Amino acid sequence: MQNNDADGIAHYPGWSTEVLSCLYEERKITASGHETTDTDPGVATSKGDYSLETYILGSDHYQIELLTNLAEGFWYDQNEHEWVVVLKGAARLQFEGDDELLEMRPGDYVNIPAHKRHRVEWTTPEEPTVWLAVHYG
């Protein structure tokens, strides 16, 4: 999915500054969305450049993602707040410093503050777990 080249540089599409500026500043949209990859193109994120995501979330707007098959055991530490709901399947989340797991089923949601380290501890093996996430500043 990341379409990495021999040097490990990701090549997947993303938005451009011109398009986001037109949408947010001229058309006055409130949110934009993307699927699994990112707002910023892969060439930029491979260099740690998330300037387009920062532009959106730093200007009191929202970024919406549809996620599936999240990696289990990976610790997330995000710069923005995240509200997430399970649409299909089930999962268990762990928050750093909390031994109790949060079990989530379709319709269950949680608001995760920025920099609250968390990970997906388990998802249903018989069907994909589908999430809707809303990131905000």
C-alpha atoms as a PDB file:
ATOM      1  CA  MET A   1       0.000   0.000   0.000  1.00  0.00           C
ATOM      2  CA  GLN A   2       2.836   2.420   0.772  1.00  0.00           C
ATOM      3  CA  ASN A   3       4.530   1.617  -2.550  1.00  0.00           C
ATOM      4  CA  ASN A   4       8.031   2.044  -1.087  1.00  0.00           C
ATOM      5  CA  ASP A   5      10.933   2.315  -3.523  1.00  0.00           C
ATOM      6  CA  ALA A   6      14.379   0.741  -3.006  1.00  0.00           C
ATOM      7  CA  ASP A   7      15.362   3.623  -0.685  1.00  0.00           C
ATOM      8  CA  GLY A   8      12.268   3.151   1.492  1.00  0.00           C
ATOM      9  CA  ILE A   9      10.560   6.306   0.195  1.00  0.00           C
ATOM     10  CA  ALA A  10       6.763   5.904   0.092  1.00  0.00           C
ATOM     11  CA  HIS A  11       4.959   6.787  -3.123  1.00  0.00           C
ATOM     12  CA  TYR A  12       1.262   7.204  -2.432  1.00  0.00           C
ATOM     13  CA  PRO A  13      -0.952  10.177  -3.243  1.00  0.00           C
ATOM     14  CA  GLY A  14      -1.831  13.015  -0.936  1.00  0.00           C
ATOM     15  CA  TRP A  15      -3.327  16.476  -1.050  1.00  0.00           C
ATOM     16  CA  SER A  16      -1.511  19.622  -2.160  1.00  0.00           C
ATOM     17  CA  THR A  17      -1.229  22.969  -0.388  1.00  0.00           C
ATOM     18  CA  GLU A  18      -3.072  24.697  -3.227  1.00  0.00           C
ATOM     19  CA  VAL A  19      -6.038  22.322  -3.103  1.00  0.00           C
ATOM     20  CA  LEU A  20      -6.366  22.409   0.695  1.00  0.00           C
ATOM     21  CA  SER A  21      -6.082  26.196   0.721  1.00  0.00           C
ATOM     22  CA  CYS A  22      -8.838  26.457  -1.884  1.00  0.00           C
ATOM     23  CA  LEU A  23     -11.098  24.030  -0.020  1.00  0.00           C
ATOM     24  CA  TYR A  24     -10.635  25.471   3.478  1.00  0.00           C
ATOM     25  CA  GLU A  25     -10.121  29.166   2.783  1.00  0.00           C
ATOM     26  CA  GLU A  26     -12.208  29.785  -0.333  1.00  0.00           C
ATOM     27  CA  ARG A  27     -14.877  27.080  -0.165  1.00  0.00           C
ATOM     28  CA  LYS A  28     -14.992  27.225   3.670  1.00  0.00           C
ATOM     29  CA  ILE A  29     -15.183  23.469   4.252  1.00  0.00           C
ATOM     30  CA  THR A  30     -14.920  22.227   7.851  1.00  0.00           C
ATOM     31  CA  ALA A  31     -13.365  18.785   7.347  1.00  0.00           C
ATOM     32  CA  SER A  32     -11.585  16.628   4.808  1.00  0.00           C
ATOM     33  CA  GLY A  33     -11.041  12.922   4.788  1.00  0.00           C
ATOM     34  CA  HIS A  34      -8.782  10.251   3.476  1.00  0.00           C
ATOM     35  CA  GLU A  35      -8.478   6.525   3.707  1.00  0.00           C
ATOM     36  CA  THR A  36      -5.516   4.536   4.936  1.00  0.00           C
ATOM     37  CA  THR A  37      -2.558   6.521   3.579  1.00  0.00           C
ATOM     38  CA  ASP A  38      -2.412  10.183   4.641  1.00  0.00           C
ATOM     39  CA  THR A  39      -3.256  13.801   3.882  1.00  0.00           C
ATOM     40  CA  ASP A  40       0.399  14.400   3.058  1.00  0.00           C
ATOM     41  CA  PRO A  41       1.845  12.494   0.073  1.00  0.00           C
ATOM     42  CA  GLY A  42       4.130   9.539   0.779  1.00  0.00           C
ATOM     43  CA  VAL A  43       7.252  11.341  -0.464  1.00  0.00           C
ATOM     44  CA  ALA A  44       6.675  13.986   2.233  1.00  0.00           C
ATOM     45  CA  THR A  45       5.777  11.611   5.095  1.00  0.00           C
ATOM     46  CA  SER A  46       8.870   9.508   4.354  1.00  0.00           C
ATOM     47  CA  LYS A  47      10.852  12.608   5.368  1.00  0.00           C
ATOM     48  CA  GLY A  48       8.708  13.248   8.449  1.00  0.00           C
ATOM     49  CA  ASP A  49       6.885  16.128   6.735  1.00  0.00           C
ATOM     50  CA  TYR A  50       3.256  16.292   7.868  1.00  0.00           C
ATOM     51  CA  SER A  51       2.824  19.992   7.051  1.00  0.00           C
ATOM     52  CA  LEU A  52      -0.525  19.561   5.279  1.00  0.00           C
ATOM     53  CA  GLU A  53      -2.023  17.649   8.208  1.00  0.00           C
ATOM     54  CA  THR A  54      -0.620  20.322  10.532  1.00  0.00           C
ATOM     55  CA  TYR A  55      -2.211  23.026   8.361  1.00  0.00           C
ATOM     56  CA  ILE A  56      -5.654  21.389   8.654  1.00  0.00           C
ATOM     57  CA  LEU A  57      -5.561  20.566  12.355  1.00  0.00           C
ATOM     58  CA  GLY A  58      -3.835  23.794  13.321  1.00  0.00           C
ATOM     59  CA  SER A  59      -6.657  25.879  11.873  1.00  0.00           C
ATOM     60  CA  ASP A  60      -9.579  24.494  13.894  1.00  0.00           C
ATOM     61  CA  HIS A  61     -10.662  21.984  11.255  1.00  0.00           C
ATOM     62  CA  TYR A  62     -11.123  18.228  11.229  1.00  0.00           C
ATOM     63  CA  GLN A  63      -9.572  15.304   9.431  1.00  0.00           C
ATOM     64  CA  ILE A  64     -11.664  12.172   8.990  1.00  0.00           C
ATOM     65  CA  GLU A  65     -10.298   8.690   8.322  1.00  0.00           C
ATOM     66  CA  LEU A  66     -11.818   5.309   7.608  1.00  0.00           C
ATOM     67  CA  LEU A  67      -9.445   2.690   9.032  1.00  0.00           C
ATOM     68  CA  THR A  68      -9.297  -1.077   8.909  1.00  0.00           C
ATOM     69  CA  ASN A  69      -6.860  -3.793   9.970  1.00  0.00           C
ATOM     70  CA  LEU A  70      -4.817  -1.598  12.292  1.00  0.00           C
ATOM     71  CA  ALA A  71      -1.554  -3.131  13.421  1.00  0.00           C
ATOM     72  CA  GLU A  72      -1.839  -4.760  16.806  1.00  0.00           C
ATOM     73  CA  GLY A  73       0.762  -3.859  19.439  1.00  0.00           C
ATOM     74  CA  PHE A  74       1.997  -0.608  17.804  1.00  0.00           C
ATOM     75  CA  TRP A  75       1.994   2.339  20.233  1.00  0.00           C
ATOM     76  CA  TYR A  76       0.343   5.454  18.829  1.00  0.00           C
ATOM     77  CA  ASP A  77       1.388   8.876  20.142  1.00  0.00           C
ATOM     78  CA  GLN A  78      -0.426  11.438  18.042  1.00  0.00           C
ATOM     79  CA  ASN A  79      -0.057  15.224  17.987  1.00  0.00           C
ATOM     80  CA  GLU A  80      -3.806  15.728  17.709  1.00  0.00           C
ATOM     81  CA  HIS A  81      -6.884  14.585  19.599  1.00  0.00           C
ATOM     82  CA  GLU A  82      -8.764  11.625  18.111  1.00  0.00           C
ATOM     83  CA  TRP A  83     -12.386  10.583  18.447  1.00  0.00           C
ATOM     84  CA  VAL A  84     -12.822   7.029  17.165  1.00  0.00           C
ATOM     85  CA  VAL A  85     -15.823   4.712  16.769  1.00  0.00           C
ATOM     86  CA  VAL A  86     -15.897   1.036  15.791  1.00  0.00           C
ATOM     87  CA  LEU A  87     -18.214   0.457  12.820  1.00  0.00           C
ATOM     88  CA  LYS A  88     -17.675  -3.286  12.318  1.00  0.00           C
ATOM     89  CA  GLY A  89     -15.849  -6.041  14.168  1.00  0.00           C
ATOM     90  CA  ALA A  90     -14.466  -5.561  17.656  1.00  0.00           C
ATOM     91  CA  ALA A  91     -11.249  -4.464  19.317  1.00  0.00           C
ATOM     92  CA  ARG A  92      -9.481  -3.993  22.603  1.00  0.00           C
ATOM     93  CA  LEU A  93      -7.456  -0.840  23.217  1.00  0.00           C
ATOM     94  CA  GLN A  94      -4.768  -0.356  25.818  1.00  0.00           C
ATOM     95  CA  PHE A  95      -3.739   3.043  27.131  1.00  0.00           C
ATOM     96  CA  GLU A  96      -0.264   3.534  28.550  1.00  0.00           C
ATOM     97  CA  GLY A  97      -0.301   3.344  32.335  1.00  0.00           C
ATOM     98  CA  ASP A  98      -3.676   1.597  32.430  1.00  0.00           C
ATOM     99  CA  ASP A  99      -3.724  -2.187  32.886  1.00  0.00           C
ATOM    100  CA  GLU A 100      -7.414  -2.478  32.005  1.00  0.00           C
ATOM    101  CA  LEU A 101      -8.241  -2.923  28.318  1.00  0.00           C
ATOM    102  CA  LEU A 102     -11.056  -0.972  26.690  1.00  0.00           C
ATOM    103  CA  GLU A 103     -13.306  -3.375  24.784  1.00  0.00           C
ATOM    104  CA  MET A 104     -14.989  -1.827  21.764  1.00  0.00           C
ATOM    105  CA  ARG A 105     -17.823  -3.167  19.603  1.00  0.00           C
ATOM    106  CA  PRO A 106     -19.838  -1.529  16.807  1.00  0.00           C
ATOM    107  CA  GLY A 107     -21.153   1.813  18.027  1.00  0.00           C
ATOM    108  CA  ASP A 108     -18.650   2.117  20.882  1.00  0.00           C
ATOM    109  CA  TYR A 109     -16.503   5.235  20.758  1.00  0.00           C
ATOM    110  CA  VAL A 110     -13.715   6.894  22.702  1.00  0.00           C
ATOM    111  CA  ASN A 111     -12.097  10.317  22.695  1.00  0.00           C
ATOM    112  CA  ILE A 112      -8.300  10.053  22.909  1.00  0.00           C
ATOM    113  CA  PRO A 113      -6.421  13.214  23.955  1.00  0.00           C
ATOM    114  CA  ALA A 114      -3.321  14.259  22.032  1.00  0.00           C
ATOM    115  CA  HIS A 115      -0.185  12.391  23.151  1.00  0.00           C
ATOM    116  CA  LYS A 116      -2.173   9.798  25.130  1.00  0.00           C
ATOM    117  CA  ARG A 117      -0.174   6.733  24.118  1.00  0.00           C
ATOM    118  CA  HIS A 118      -2.422   3.857  23.089  1.00  0.00           C
ATOM    119  CA  ARG A 119      -2.391   0.694  21.053  1.00  0.00           C
ATOM    120  CA  VAL A 120      -4.722  -1.835  19.522  1.00  0.00           C
ATOM    121  CA  GLU A 121      -4.223  -4.942  21.623  1.00  0.00           C
ATOM    122  CA  TRP A 122      -6.650  -7.248  19.766  1.00  0.00           C
ATOM    123  CA  THR A 123      -9.137  -7.235  16.892  1.00  0.00           C
ATOM    124  CA  THR A 124     -11.631  -9.857  15.741  1.00  0.00           C
ATOM    125  CA  PRO A 125      -9.802 -12.495  13.704  1.00  0.00           C
ATOM    126  CA  GLU A 126     -12.879 -13.649  11.746  1.00  0.00           C
ATOM    127  CA  GLU A 127     -13.724 -10.259  10.203  1.00  0.00           C
ATOM    128  CA  PRO A 128     -11.966  -6.935   9.706  1.00  0.00           C
ATOM    129  CA  THR A 129     -12.435  -4.296  12.365  1.00  0.00           C
ATOM    130  CA  VAL A 130     -13.502  -1.035  10.727  1.00  0.00           C
ATOM    131  CA  TRP A 131     -13.073   2.304  12.495  1.00  0.00           C
ATOM    132  CA  LEU A 132     -14.075   5.874  11.784  1.00  0.00           C
ATOM    133  CA  ALA A 133     -11.635   8.382  13.257  1.00  0.00           C
ATOM    134  CA  VAL A 134     -11.987  12.141  13.541  1.00  0.00           C
ATOM    135  CA  HIS A 135      -8.749  14.017  14.282  1.00  0.00           C
ATOM    136  CA  TYR A 136      -8.882  17.551  15.604  1.00  0.00           C
ATOM    137  CA  GLY A 137      -6.481  20.145  17.008  1.00  0.00           C
END
